[in-house]
PDB file of all heavy atoms in Angstrom:
ATOM      1  N   SER A   1       0.861  -1.192  -0.087  1.00  0.00           N
ATOM      2  CA  SER A   1       0.072   0.035   0.062  1.00  0.00           C
ATOM      3  C   SER A   1       0.851   1.327   0.045  1.00  0.00           C
ATOM      4  O   SER A   1       0.628   2.231  -0.717  1.00  0.00           O
ATOM      5  CB  SER A   1      -1.043  -0.042   1.101  1.00  0.00           C
ATOM      6  OG  SER A   1      -1.636   1.186   1.316  1.00  0.00           O
ATOM      7  N   SER A   2       1.913   1.208   0.811  1.00  0.00           N
ATOM      8  CA  SER A   2       2.800   2.391   0.859  1.00  0.00           C
ATOM      9  C   SER A   2       3.598   2.594  -0.435  1.00  0.00           C
ATOM     10  O   SER A   2       3.783   3.791  -0.915  1.00  0.00           O
ATOM     11  CB  SER A   2       3.720   2.153   1.992  1.00  0.00           C
ATOM     12  OG  SER A   2       3.173   2.167   3.262  1.00  0.00           O
ATOM     13  N   ILE A   3       4.035   1.534  -1.003  1.00  0.00           N
ATOM     14  CA  ILE A   3       4.768   1.755  -2.302  1.00  0.00           C
ATOM     15  C   ILE A   3       3.746   2.322  -3.341  1.00  0.00           C
ATOM     16  O   ILE A   3       4.251   3.237  -4.084  1.00  0.00           O
ATOM     17  CB  ILE A   3       5.318   0.393  -2.799  1.00  0.00           C
ATOM     18  CG1 ILE A   3       6.407  -0.074  -1.846  1.00  0.00           C
ATOM     19  CG2 ILE A   3       5.860   0.448  -4.233  1.00  0.00           C
ATOM     20  CD1 ILE A   3       6.883  -1.418  -2.131  1.00  0.00           C
ATOM     21  N   ILE A   4       2.547   1.848  -3.480  1.00  0.00           N
ATOM     22  CA  ILE A   4       1.661   2.334  -4.439  1.00  0.00           C
ATOM     23  C   ILE A   4       1.315   3.803  -4.146  1.00  0.00           C
ATOM     24  O   ILE A   4       1.366   4.594  -5.180  1.00  0.00           O
ATOM     25  CB  ILE A   4       0.354   1.489  -4.421  1.00  0.00           C
ATOM     26  CG1 ILE A   4       0.624   0.027  -4.927  1.00  0.00           C
ATOM     27  CG2 ILE A   4      -0.731   2.112  -5.277  1.00  0.00           C
ATOM     28  CD1 ILE A   4      -0.458  -0.971  -4.685  1.00  0.00           C
ATOM     29  N   GLN A   5       1.100   4.228  -2.907  1.00  0.00           N
ATOM     30  CA  GLN A   5       0.827   5.584  -2.646  1.00  0.00           C
ATOM     31  C   GLN A   5       2.102   6.469  -2.927  1.00  0.00           C
ATOM     32  O   GLN A   5       1.898   7.494  -3.544  1.00  0.00           O
ATOM     33  CB  GLN A   5       0.325   5.690  -1.124  1.00  0.00           C
ATOM     34  CG  GLN A   5       0.058   7.070  -0.760  1.00  0.00           C
ATOM     35  CD  GLN A   5      -0.504   7.215   0.729  1.00  0.00           C
ATOM     36  OE1 GLN A   5      -0.415   6.256   1.438  1.00  0.00           O
ATOM     37  NE2 GLN A   5      -1.065   8.377   0.902  1.00  0.00           N
ATOM     38  N   MET A   6       3.179   5.961  -2.480  1.00  0.00           N
ATOM     39  CA  MET A   6       4.369   6.848  -2.685  1.00  0.00           C
ATOM     40  C   MET A   6       4.676   7.006  -4.196  1.00  0.00           C
ATOM     41  O   MET A   6       4.897   8.079  -4.572  1.00  0.00           O
ATOM     42  CB  MET A   6       5.554   6.115  -2.072  1.00  0.00           C
ATOM     43  CG  MET A   6       6.907   6.829  -2.213  1.00  0.00           C
ATOM     44  SD  MET A   6       8.317   5.897  -1.555  1.00  0.00           S
ATOM     45  CE  MET A   6       8.125   4.341  -2.450  1.00  0.00           C
ATOM     46  N   ALA A   7       4.530   5.880  -4.946  1.00  0.00           N
ATOM     47  CA  ALA A   7       4.772   6.055  -6.444  1.00  0.00           C
ATOM     48  C   ALA A   7       3.808   6.969  -7.039  1.00  0.00           C
ATOM     49  O   ALA A   7       4.178   7.754  -7.890  1.00  0.00           O
ATOM     50  CB  ALA A   7       4.709   4.608  -6.928  1.00  0.00           C
ATOM     51  N   GLY A   8       2.625   6.813  -6.674  1.00  0.00           N
ATOM     52  CA  GLY A   8       1.484   7.677  -7.202  1.00  0.00           C
ATOM     53  C   GLY A   8       1.901   9.231  -6.874  1.00  0.00           C
ATOM     54  O   GLY A   8       1.752  10.090  -7.757  1.00  0.00           O
ATOM     55  N   ASN A   9       2.341   9.402  -5.660  1.00  0.00           N
ATOM     56  CA  ASN A   9       2.656  10.854  -5.309  1.00  0.00           C
ATOM     57  C   ASN A   9       3.875  11.363  -6.025  1.00  0.00           C
ATOM     58  O   ASN A   9       4.131  12.494  -6.190  1.00  0.00           O
ATOM     59  CB  ASN A   9       2.929  10.880  -3.772  1.00  0.00           C
ATOM     60  CG  ASN A   9       1.737  10.759  -3.012  1.00  0.00           C
ATOM     61  OD1 ASN A   9       0.553  10.947  -3.472  1.00  0.00           O
ATOM     62  ND2 ASN A   9       1.909  10.400  -1.725  1.00  0.00           N
ATOM     63  N   LEU A  10       4.763  10.451  -6.522  1.00  0.00           N
ATOM     64  CA  LEU A  10       5.970  10.794  -7.278  1.00  0.00           C
ATOM     65  C   LEU A  10       5.652  10.769  -8.817  1.00  0.00           C
ATOM     66  O   LEU A  10       6.560  10.962  -9.610  1.00  0.00           O
ATOM     67  CB  LEU A  10       7.077   9.827  -6.969  1.00  0.00           C
ATOM     68  CG  LEU A  10       7.635   9.946  -5.502  1.00  0.00           C
ATOM     69  CD1 LEU A  10       8.659   8.877  -5.350  1.00  0.00           C
ATOM     70  CD2 LEU A  10       8.206  11.408  -5.233  1.00  0.00           C
ATOM     71  N   GLY A  11       4.468  10.576  -9.207  1.00  0.00           N
ATOM     72  CA  GLY A  11       4.049  10.557 -10.635  1.00  0.00           C
ATOM     73  C   GLY A  11       4.515   9.322 -11.398  1.00  0.00           C
ATOM     74  O   GLY A  11       4.600   9.334 -12.576  1.00  0.00           O
ATOM     75  N   MET A  12       4.658   8.172 -10.660  1.00  0.00           N
ATOM     76  CA  MET A  12       5.104   6.899 -11.295  1.00  0.00           C
ATOM     77  C   MET A  12       3.918   5.989 -11.421  1.00  0.00           C
ATOM     78  O   MET A  12       3.037   6.000 -10.391  1.00  0.00           O
ATOM     79  CB  MET A  12       6.212   6.255 -10.572  1.00  0.00           C
ATOM     80  CG  MET A  12       7.381   7.090 -10.450  1.00  0.00           C
ATOM     81  SD  MET A  12       8.686   6.133  -9.405  1.00  0.00           S
ATOM     82  CE  MET A  12       9.653   7.495  -8.879  1.00  0.00           C
ATOM     83  N   ASP A  13       3.846   5.099 -12.228  1.00  0.00           N
ATOM     84  CA  ASP A  13       2.843   3.988 -12.308  1.00  0.00           C
ATOM     85  C   ASP A  13       3.597   2.782 -11.499  1.00  0.00           C
ATOM     86  O   ASP A  13       4.865   2.841 -11.210  1.00  0.00           O
ATOM     87  CB  ASP A  13       2.747   3.390 -13.912  1.00  0.00           C
ATOM     88  CG  ASP A  13       1.889   4.344 -14.542  1.00  0.00           C
ATOM     89  OD1 ASP A  13       1.041   5.015 -13.970  1.00  0.00           O
ATOM     90  OD2 ASP A  13       2.020   4.441 -15.816  1.00  0.00           O
ATOM     91  N   VAL A  14       2.719   1.881 -11.143  1.00  0.00           N
ATOM     92  CA  VAL A  14       3.154   0.664 -10.373  1.00  0.00           C
ATOM     93  C   VAL A  14       2.601  -0.576 -11.052  1.00  0.00           C
ATOM     94  O   VAL A  14       1.405  -0.601 -11.533  1.00  0.00           O
ATOM     95  CB  VAL A  14       2.499   0.763  -8.924  1.00  0.00           C
ATOM     96  CG1 VAL A  14       2.963  -0.594  -8.188  1.00  0.00           C
ATOM     97  CG2 VAL A  14       3.114   1.923  -8.141  1.00  0.00           C
ATOM     98  N   VAL A  15       3.361  -1.598 -11.195  1.00  0.00           N
ATOM     99  CA  VAL A  15       3.097  -2.827 -11.659  1.00  0.00           C
ATOM    100  C   VAL A  15       3.228  -3.866 -10.474  1.00  0.00           C
ATOM    101  O   VAL A  15       4.317  -3.827  -9.927  1.00  0.00           O
ATOM    102  CB  VAL A  15       3.883  -3.319 -12.841  1.00  0.00           C
ATOM    103  CG1 VAL A  15       3.475  -4.642 -13.226  1.00  0.00           C
ATOM    104  CG2 VAL A  15       3.731  -2.311 -14.024  1.00  0.00           C
ATOM    105  N   ALA A  16       2.321  -4.568 -10.191  1.00  0.00           N
ATOM    106  CA  ALA A  16       2.402  -5.581  -9.121  1.00  0.00           C
ATOM    107  C   ALA A  16       2.702  -6.891  -9.770  1.00  0.00           C
ATOM    108  O   ALA A  16       1.951  -7.444 -10.717  1.00  0.00           O
ATOM    109  CB  ALA A  16       1.046  -5.748  -8.378  1.00  0.00           C
ATOM    110  N   GLU A  17       3.790  -7.491  -9.458  1.00  0.00           N
ATOM    111  CA  GLU A  17       4.336  -8.786 -10.003  1.00  0.00           C
ATOM    112  C   GLU A  17       3.714  -9.974  -9.191  1.00  0.00           C
ATOM    113  O   GLU A  17       3.561  -9.835  -7.979  1.00  0.00           O
ATOM    114  CB  GLU A  17       5.754  -8.785 -10.054  1.00  0.00           C
ATOM    115  CG  GLU A  17       6.499  -7.820 -10.863  1.00  0.00           C
ATOM    116  CD  GLU A  17       8.046  -7.982 -10.759  1.00  0.00           C
ATOM    117  OE1 GLU A  17       8.531  -7.958  -9.640  1.00  0.00           O
ATOM    118  OE2 GLU A  17       8.639  -8.019 -11.922  1.00  0.00           O
ATOM    119  N   GLY A  18       3.564 -10.960  -9.890  1.00  0.00           N
ATOM    120  CA  GLY A  18       3.190 -12.330  -9.185  1.00  0.00           C
ATOM    121  C   GLY A  18       1.797 -12.380  -8.679  1.00  0.00           C
ATOM    122  O   GLY A  18       1.558 -13.125  -7.714  1.00  0.00           O
ATOM    123  N   VAL A  19       0.833 -11.654  -9.378  1.00  0.00           N
ATOM    124  CA  VAL A  19      -0.572 -11.809  -8.998  1.00  0.00           C
ATOM    125  C   VAL A  19      -1.122 -13.197  -9.473  1.00  0.00           C
ATOM    126  O   VAL A  19      -1.074 -13.404 -10.633  1.00  0.00           O
ATOM    127  CB  VAL A  19      -1.455 -10.599  -9.562  1.00  0.00           C
ATOM    128  CG1 VAL A  19      -2.840 -10.776  -9.224  1.00  0.00           C
ATOM    129  CG2 VAL A  19      -0.829  -9.332  -9.177  1.00  0.00           C
ATOM    130  N   GLU A  20      -1.446 -13.914  -8.558  1.00  0.00           N
ATOM    131  CA  GLU A  20      -1.983 -15.377  -8.802  1.00  0.00           C
ATOM    132  C   GLU A  20      -3.379 -15.624  -8.370  1.00  0.00           C
ATOM    133  O   GLU A  20      -3.941 -16.626  -8.787  1.00  0.00           O
ATOM    134  CB  GLU A  20      -0.991 -16.380  -8.146  1.00  0.00           C
ATOM    135  CG  GLU A  20       0.496 -16.248  -8.816  1.00  0.00           C
ATOM    136  CD  GLU A  20       1.420 -17.346  -8.272  1.00  0.00           C
ATOM    137  OE1 GLU A  20       0.951 -18.176  -7.378  1.00  0.00           O
ATOM    138  OE2 GLU A  20       2.525 -17.266  -8.703  1.00  0.00           O
ATOM    139  N   GLU A  21      -3.839 -14.798  -7.481  1.00  0.00           N
ATOM    140  CA  GLU A  21      -5.145 -15.088  -6.876  1.00  0.00           C
ATOM    141  C   GLU A  21      -6.046 -13.749  -7.058  1.00  0.00           C
ATOM    142  O   GLU A  21      -5.555 -12.689  -6.873  1.00  0.00           O
ATOM    143  CB  GLU A  21      -5.038 -15.389  -5.382  1.00  0.00           C
ATOM    144  CG  GLU A  21      -4.246 -16.689  -5.202  1.00  0.00           C
ATOM    145  CD  GLU A  21      -3.836 -16.851  -3.665  1.00  0.00           C
ATOM    146  OE1 GLU A  21      -4.257 -16.169  -2.884  1.00  0.00           O
ATOM    147  OE2 GLU A  21      -3.092 -17.854  -3.379  1.00  0.00           O
ATOM    148  N   GLU A  22      -7.366 -14.034  -6.966  1.00  0.00           N
ATOM    149  CA  GLU A  22      -8.349 -12.977  -7.221  1.00  0.00           C
ATOM    150  C   GLU A  22      -8.220 -12.098  -5.922  1.00  0.00           C
ATOM    151  O   GLU A  22      -8.365 -10.842  -6.145  1.00  0.00           O
ATOM    152  CB  GLU A  22      -9.736 -13.500  -7.447  1.00  0.00           C
ATOM    153  CG  GLU A  22     -10.122 -13.925  -8.768  1.00  0.00           C
ATOM    154  CD  GLU A  22     -10.391 -12.728  -9.725  1.00  0.00           C
ATOM    155  OE1 GLU A  22     -10.627 -11.646  -9.240  1.00  0.00           O
ATOM    156  OE2 GLU A  22     -10.084 -13.001 -10.879  1.00  0.00           O
ATOM    157  N   ILE A  23      -8.021 -12.601  -4.757  1.00  0.00           N
ATOM    158  CA  ILE A  23      -7.938 -11.803  -3.522  1.00  0.00           C
ATOM    159  C   ILE A  23      -6.826 -10.794  -3.604  1.00  0.00           C
ATOM    160  O   ILE A  23      -6.898  -9.628  -3.156  1.00  0.00           O
ATOM    161  CB  ILE A  23      -7.996 -12.635  -2.186  1.00  0.00           C
ATOM    162  CG1 ILE A  23      -8.089 -11.738  -1.034  1.00  0.00           C
ATOM    163  CG2 ILE A  23      -6.716 -13.524  -2.183  1.00  0.00           C
ATOM    164  CD1 ILE A  23      -9.479 -11.182  -0.877  1.00  0.00           C
ATOM    165  N   GLN A  24      -5.704 -11.235  -4.193  1.00  0.00           N
ATOM    166  CA  GLN A  24      -4.568 -10.375  -4.395  1.00  0.00           C
ATOM    167  C   GLN A  24      -4.923  -9.242  -5.336  1.00  0.00           C
ATOM    168  O   GLN A  24      -4.607  -7.981  -5.065  1.00  0.00           O
ATOM    169  CB  GLN A  24      -3.367 -11.133  -4.886  1.00  0.00           C
ATOM    170  CG  GLN A  24      -2.866 -12.116  -3.994  1.00  0.00           C
ATOM    171  CD  GLN A  24      -1.863 -13.015  -4.748  1.00  0.00           C
ATOM    172  OE1 GLN A  24      -1.946 -13.331  -5.982  1.00  0.00           O
ATOM    173  NE2 GLN A  24      -0.858 -13.496  -3.978  1.00  0.00           N
ATOM    174  N   LEU A  25      -5.595  -9.492  -6.453  1.00  0.00           N
ATOM    175  CA  LEU A  25      -5.970  -8.440  -7.417  1.00  0.00           C
ATOM    176  C   LEU A  25      -6.966  -7.458  -6.759  1.00  0.00           C
ATOM    177  O   LEU A  25      -6.818  -6.388  -6.867  1.00  0.00           O
ATOM    178  CB  LEU A  25      -6.658  -9.099  -8.559  1.00  0.00           C
ATOM    179  CG  LEU A  25      -7.229  -8.186  -9.705  1.00  0.00           C
ATOM    180  CD1 LEU A  25      -6.062  -7.351 -10.280  1.00  0.00           C
ATOM    181  CD2 LEU A  25      -7.942  -9.034 -10.708  1.00  0.00           C
ATOM    182  N   GLU A  26      -7.903  -7.990  -5.996  1.00  0.00           N
ATOM    183  CA  GLU A  26      -8.857  -7.124  -5.301  1.00  0.00           C
ATOM    184  C   GLU A  26      -8.249  -6.149  -4.272  1.00  0.00           C
ATOM    185  O   GLU A  26      -8.538  -4.911  -4.259  1.00  0.00           O
ATOM    186  CB  GLU A  26      -9.957  -7.929  -4.517  1.00  0.00           C
ATOM    187  CG  GLU A  26     -10.863  -8.674  -5.457  1.00  0.00           C
ATOM    188  CD  GLU A  26     -11.766  -9.645  -4.741  1.00  0.00           C
ATOM    189  OE1 GLU A  26     -11.893  -9.525  -3.500  1.00  0.00           O
ATOM    190  OE2 GLU A  26     -12.306 -10.643  -5.399  1.00  0.00           O
ATOM    191  N   ILE A  27      -7.240  -6.697  -3.557  1.00  0.00           N
ATOM    192  CA  ILE A  27      -6.547  -5.790  -2.527  1.00  0.00           C
ATOM    193  C   ILE A  27      -5.795  -4.763  -3.355  1.00  0.00           C
ATOM    194  O   ILE A  27      -5.735  -3.580  -2.949  1.00  0.00           O
ATOM    195  CB  ILE A  27      -5.644  -6.790  -1.566  1.00  0.00           C
ATOM    196  CG1 ILE A  27      -6.554  -7.544  -0.780  1.00  0.00           C
ATOM    197  CG2 ILE A  27      -4.720  -5.814  -0.832  1.00  0.00           C
ATOM    198  CD1 ILE A  27      -5.776  -8.655   0.015  1.00  0.00           C
ATOM    199  N   LEU A  28      -5.002  -5.242  -4.320  1.00  0.00           N
ATOM    200  CA  LEU A  28      -4.266  -4.348  -5.122  1.00  0.00           C
ATOM    201  C   LEU A  28      -5.063  -3.289  -5.769  1.00  0.00           C
ATOM    202  O   LEU A  28      -4.580  -1.973  -5.696  1.00  0.00           O
ATOM    203  CB  LEU A  28      -3.369  -5.023  -6.143  1.00  0.00           C
ATOM    204  CG  LEU A  28      -2.253  -5.963  -5.655  1.00  0.00           C
ATOM    205  CD1 LEU A  28      -1.848  -7.082  -6.638  1.00  0.00           C
ATOM    206  CD2 LEU A  28      -1.073  -5.049  -5.116  1.00  0.00           C
ATOM    207  N   GLU A  29      -6.178  -3.618  -6.215  1.00  0.00           N
ATOM    208  CA  GLU A  29      -7.003  -2.547  -6.864  1.00  0.00           C
ATOM    209  C   GLU A  29      -7.531  -1.618  -5.763  1.00  0.00           C
ATOM    210  O   GLU A  29      -7.672  -0.378  -6.042  1.00  0.00           O
ATOM    211  CB  GLU A  29      -8.184  -3.219  -7.579  1.00  0.00           C
ATOM    212  CG  GLU A  29      -7.848  -3.888  -8.908  1.00  0.00           C
ATOM    213  CD  GLU A  29      -8.974  -4.544  -9.597  1.00  0.00           C
ATOM    214  OE1 GLU A  29      -9.794  -5.233  -8.948  1.00  0.00           O
ATOM    215  OE2 GLU A  29      -8.966  -4.527 -10.839  1.00  0.00           O
ATOM    216  N   LYS A  30      -7.833  -2.124  -4.659  1.00  0.00           N
ATOM    217  CA  LYS A  30      -8.262  -1.275  -3.501  1.00  0.00           C
ATOM    218  C   LYS A  30      -7.303  -0.295  -3.086  1.00  0.00           C
ATOM    219  O   LYS A  30      -7.475   0.868  -2.843  1.00  0.00           O
ATOM    220  CB  LYS A  30      -8.675  -2.138  -2.268  1.00  0.00           C
ATOM    221  CG  LYS A  30      -9.184  -1.402  -1.015  1.00  0.00           C
ATOM    222  CD  LYS A  30      -9.504  -2.348   0.044  1.00  0.00           C
ATOM    223  CE  LYS A  30      -8.278  -2.512   0.876  1.00  0.00           C
ATOM    224  NZ  LYS A  30      -8.521  -3.208   2.130  1.00  0.00           N
ATOM    225  N   TYR A  31      -6.022  -0.638  -3.174  1.00  0.00           N
ATOM    226  CA  TYR A  31      -4.885   0.288  -2.915  1.00  0.00           C
ATOM    227  C   TYR A  31      -4.669   1.198  -4.056  1.00  0.00           C
ATOM    228  O   TYR A  31      -3.691   2.109  -3.814  1.00  0.00           O
ATOM    229  CB  TYR A  31      -3.591  -0.498  -2.566  1.00  0.00           C
ATOM    230  CG  TYR A  31      -3.723  -1.299  -1.246  1.00  0.00           C
ATOM    231  CD1 TYR A  31      -2.859  -2.378  -1.057  1.00  0.00           C
ATOM    232  CD2 TYR A  31      -4.524  -1.118  -0.260  1.00  0.00           C
ATOM    233  CE1 TYR A  31      -2.925  -3.156   0.015  1.00  0.00           C
ATOM    234  CE2 TYR A  31      -4.618  -1.785   0.938  1.00  0.00           C
ATOM    235  CZ  TYR A  31      -3.706  -2.800   1.190  1.00  0.00           C
ATOM    236  OH  TYR A  31      -3.751  -3.611   2.204  1.00  0.00           O
ATOM    237  N   GLY A  32      -5.164   1.060  -5.230  1.00  0.00           N
ATOM    238  CA  GLY A  32      -4.977   2.014  -6.290  1.00  0.00           C
ATOM    239  C   GLY A  32      -3.992   1.477  -7.340  1.00  0.00           C
ATOM    240  O   GLY A  32      -3.672   2.328  -8.336  1.00  0.00           O
ATOM    241  N   CYS A  33      -3.570   0.319  -7.291  1.00  0.00           N
ATOM    242  CA  CYS A  33      -2.773  -0.341  -8.350  1.00  0.00           C
ATOM    243  C   CYS A  33      -3.539  -0.648  -9.563  1.00  0.00           C
ATOM    244  O   CYS A  33      -4.638  -1.065  -9.437  1.00  0.00           O
ATOM    245  CB  CYS A  33      -2.108  -1.557  -7.813  1.00  0.00           C
ATOM    246  SG  CYS A  33      -0.817  -2.236  -9.005  1.00  0.00           S
ATOM    247  N   ARG A  34      -3.067  -0.170 -10.760  1.00  0.00           N
ATOM    248  CA  ARG A  34      -3.859  -0.460 -11.982  1.00  0.00           C
ATOM    249  C   ARG A  34      -3.120  -1.334 -12.942  1.00  0.00           C
ATOM    250  O   ARG A  34      -3.749  -1.754 -13.993  1.00  0.00           O
ATOM    251  CB  ARG A  34      -4.037   0.975 -12.637  1.00  0.00           C
ATOM    252  CG  ARG A  34      -4.799   1.808 -11.832  1.00  0.00           C
ATOM    253  CD  ARG A  34      -5.110   3.185 -12.549  1.00  0.00           C
ATOM    254  NE  ARG A  34      -4.227   3.329 -13.694  1.00  0.00           N
ATOM    255  CZ  ARG A  34      -3.349   4.411 -13.897  1.00  0.00           C
ATOM    256  NH1 ARG A  34      -3.211   5.340 -13.001  1.00  0.00           N
ATOM    257  NH2 ARG A  34      -2.689   4.535 -14.944  1.00  0.00           N
ATOM    258  N   HIS A  35      -1.974  -1.793 -12.717  1.00  0.00           N
ATOM    259  CA  HIS A  35      -1.230  -2.689 -13.531  1.00  0.00           C
ATOM    260  C   HIS A  35      -0.826  -3.912 -12.847  1.00  0.00           C
ATOM    261  O   HIS A  35      -0.093  -3.778 -11.826  1.00  0.00           O
ATOM    262  CB  HIS A  35       0.012  -1.882 -14.245  1.00  0.00           C
ATOM    263  CG  HIS A  35      -0.387  -0.587 -14.782  1.00  0.00           C
ATOM    264  ND1 HIS A  35      -1.083  -0.487 -16.060  1.00  0.00           N
ATOM    265  CD2 HIS A  35      -0.139   0.669 -14.425  1.00  0.00           C
ATOM    266  CE1 HIS A  35      -1.326   0.835 -16.407  1.00  0.00           C
ATOM    267  NE2 HIS A  35      -0.736   1.413 -15.385  1.00  0.00           N
ATOM    268  N   PHE A  36      -0.912  -5.005 -13.531  1.00  0.00           N
ATOM    269  CA  PHE A  36      -0.724  -6.322 -12.871  1.00  0.00           C
ATOM    270  C   PHE A  36      -0.003  -7.284 -13.801  1.00  0.00           C
ATOM    271  O   PHE A  36      -0.118  -7.164 -14.985  1.00  0.00           O
ATOM    272  CB  PHE A  36      -1.930  -6.985 -12.332  1.00  0.00           C
ATOM    273  CG  PHE A  36      -2.899  -5.983 -11.698  1.00  0.00           C
ATOM    274  CD1 PHE A  36      -3.941  -5.403 -12.441  1.00  0.00           C
ATOM    275  CD2 PHE A  36      -2.790  -5.652 -10.404  1.00  0.00           C
ATOM    276  CE1 PHE A  36      -4.719  -4.498 -11.902  1.00  0.00           C
ATOM    277  CE2 PHE A  36      -3.570  -4.693  -9.803  1.00  0.00           C
ATOM    278  CZ  PHE A  36      -4.686  -4.102 -10.593  1.00  0.00           C
ATOM    279  N   GLN A  37       0.794  -8.202 -13.175  1.00  0.00           N
ATOM    280  CA  GLN A  37       1.487  -9.265 -13.900  1.00  0.00           C
ATOM    281  C   GLN A  37       1.488 -10.520 -13.127  1.00  0.00           C
ATOM    282  O   GLN A  37       1.605 -10.503 -11.984  1.00  0.00           O
ATOM    283  CB  GLN A  37       2.932  -8.781 -14.121  1.00  0.00           C
ATOM    284  CG  GLN A  37       3.807  -9.643 -14.779  1.00  0.00           C
ATOM    285  CD  GLN A  37       5.183  -9.010 -14.816  1.00  0.00           C
ATOM    286  OE1 GLN A  37       5.246  -7.845 -15.005  1.00  0.00           O
ATOM    287  NE2 GLN A  37       6.201  -9.832 -14.922  1.00  0.00           N
ATOM    288  N   GLY A  38       1.035 -11.601 -13.786  1.00  0.00           N
ATOM    289  CA  GLY A  38       1.048 -12.846 -12.999  1.00  0.00           C
ATOM    290  C   GLY A  38       0.236 -13.941 -13.645  1.00  0.00           C
ATOM    291  O   GLY A  38      -0.516 -13.728 -14.572  1.00  0.00           O
ATOM    292  N   TYR A  39       0.311 -15.088 -13.029  1.00  0.00           N
ATOM    293  CA  TYR A  39      -0.328 -16.338 -13.477  1.00  0.00           C
ATOM    294  C   TYR A  39      -1.962 -16.114 -13.529  1.00  0.00           C
ATOM    295  O   TYR A  39      -2.642 -16.818 -14.176  1.00  0.00           O
ATOM    296  CB  TYR A  39       0.012 -17.434 -12.810  1.00  0.00           C
ATOM    297  CG  TYR A  39       1.438 -17.941 -13.204  1.00  0.00           C
ATOM    298  CD1 TYR A  39       2.090 -18.872 -12.378  1.00  0.00           C
ATOM    299  CD2 TYR A  39       2.168 -17.506 -14.237  1.00  0.00           C
ATOM    300  CE1 TYR A  39       3.305 -19.321 -12.666  1.00  0.00           C
ATOM    301  CE2 TYR A  39       3.414 -17.927 -14.594  1.00  0.00           C
ATOM    302  CZ  TYR A  39       4.005 -18.806 -13.816  1.00  0.00           C
ATOM    303  OH  TYR A  39       5.315 -19.387 -14.138  1.00  0.00           O
ATOM    304  N   LEU A  40      -2.546 -15.193 -12.652  1.00  0.00           N
ATOM    305  CA  LEU A  40      -3.868 -15.067 -12.651  1.00  0.00           C
ATOM    306  C   LEU A  40      -4.396 -14.640 -14.104  1.00  0.00           C
ATOM    307  O   LEU A  40      -5.441 -15.019 -14.484  1.00  0.00           O
ATOM    308  CB  LEU A  40      -4.265 -13.977 -11.641  1.00  0.00           C
ATOM    309  CG  LEU A  40      -5.722 -13.525 -11.551  1.00  0.00           C
ATOM    310  CD1 LEU A  40      -6.475 -14.891 -11.110  1.00  0.00           C
ATOM    311  CD2 LEU A  40      -5.978 -12.470 -10.632  1.00  0.00           C
ATOM    312  N   PHE A  41      -3.588 -13.948 -14.786  1.00  0.00           N
ATOM    313  CA  PHE A  41      -3.945 -13.478 -16.158  1.00  0.00           C
ATOM    314  C   PHE A  41      -3.436 -14.446 -17.252  1.00  0.00           C
ATOM    315  O   PHE A  41      -4.174 -14.631 -18.211  1.00  0.00           O
ATOM    316  CB  PHE A  41      -3.261 -12.100 -16.426  1.00  0.00           C
ATOM    317  CG  PHE A  41      -3.658 -11.164 -15.224  1.00  0.00           C
ATOM    318  CD1 PHE A  41      -2.577 -10.719 -14.302  1.00  0.00           C
ATOM    319  CD2 PHE A  41      -4.900 -10.718 -15.040  1.00  0.00           C
ATOM    320  CE1 PHE A  41      -2.894  -9.994 -13.253  1.00  0.00           C
ATOM    321  CE2 PHE A  41      -5.181  -9.979 -13.995  1.00  0.00           C
ATOM    322  CZ  PHE A  41      -4.154  -9.569 -13.122  1.00  0.00           C
TER     323      PHE A  41
END
């Protein structure tokens, strides 16, 4: 959550690596992450 917020405040995008479960995706989206990579996809 802190990395996502900090990166956003610095004008950077964030990619979450290793997303394998829907619950991970839901949490990441809740934190404001918009880009994902992993076996879930």
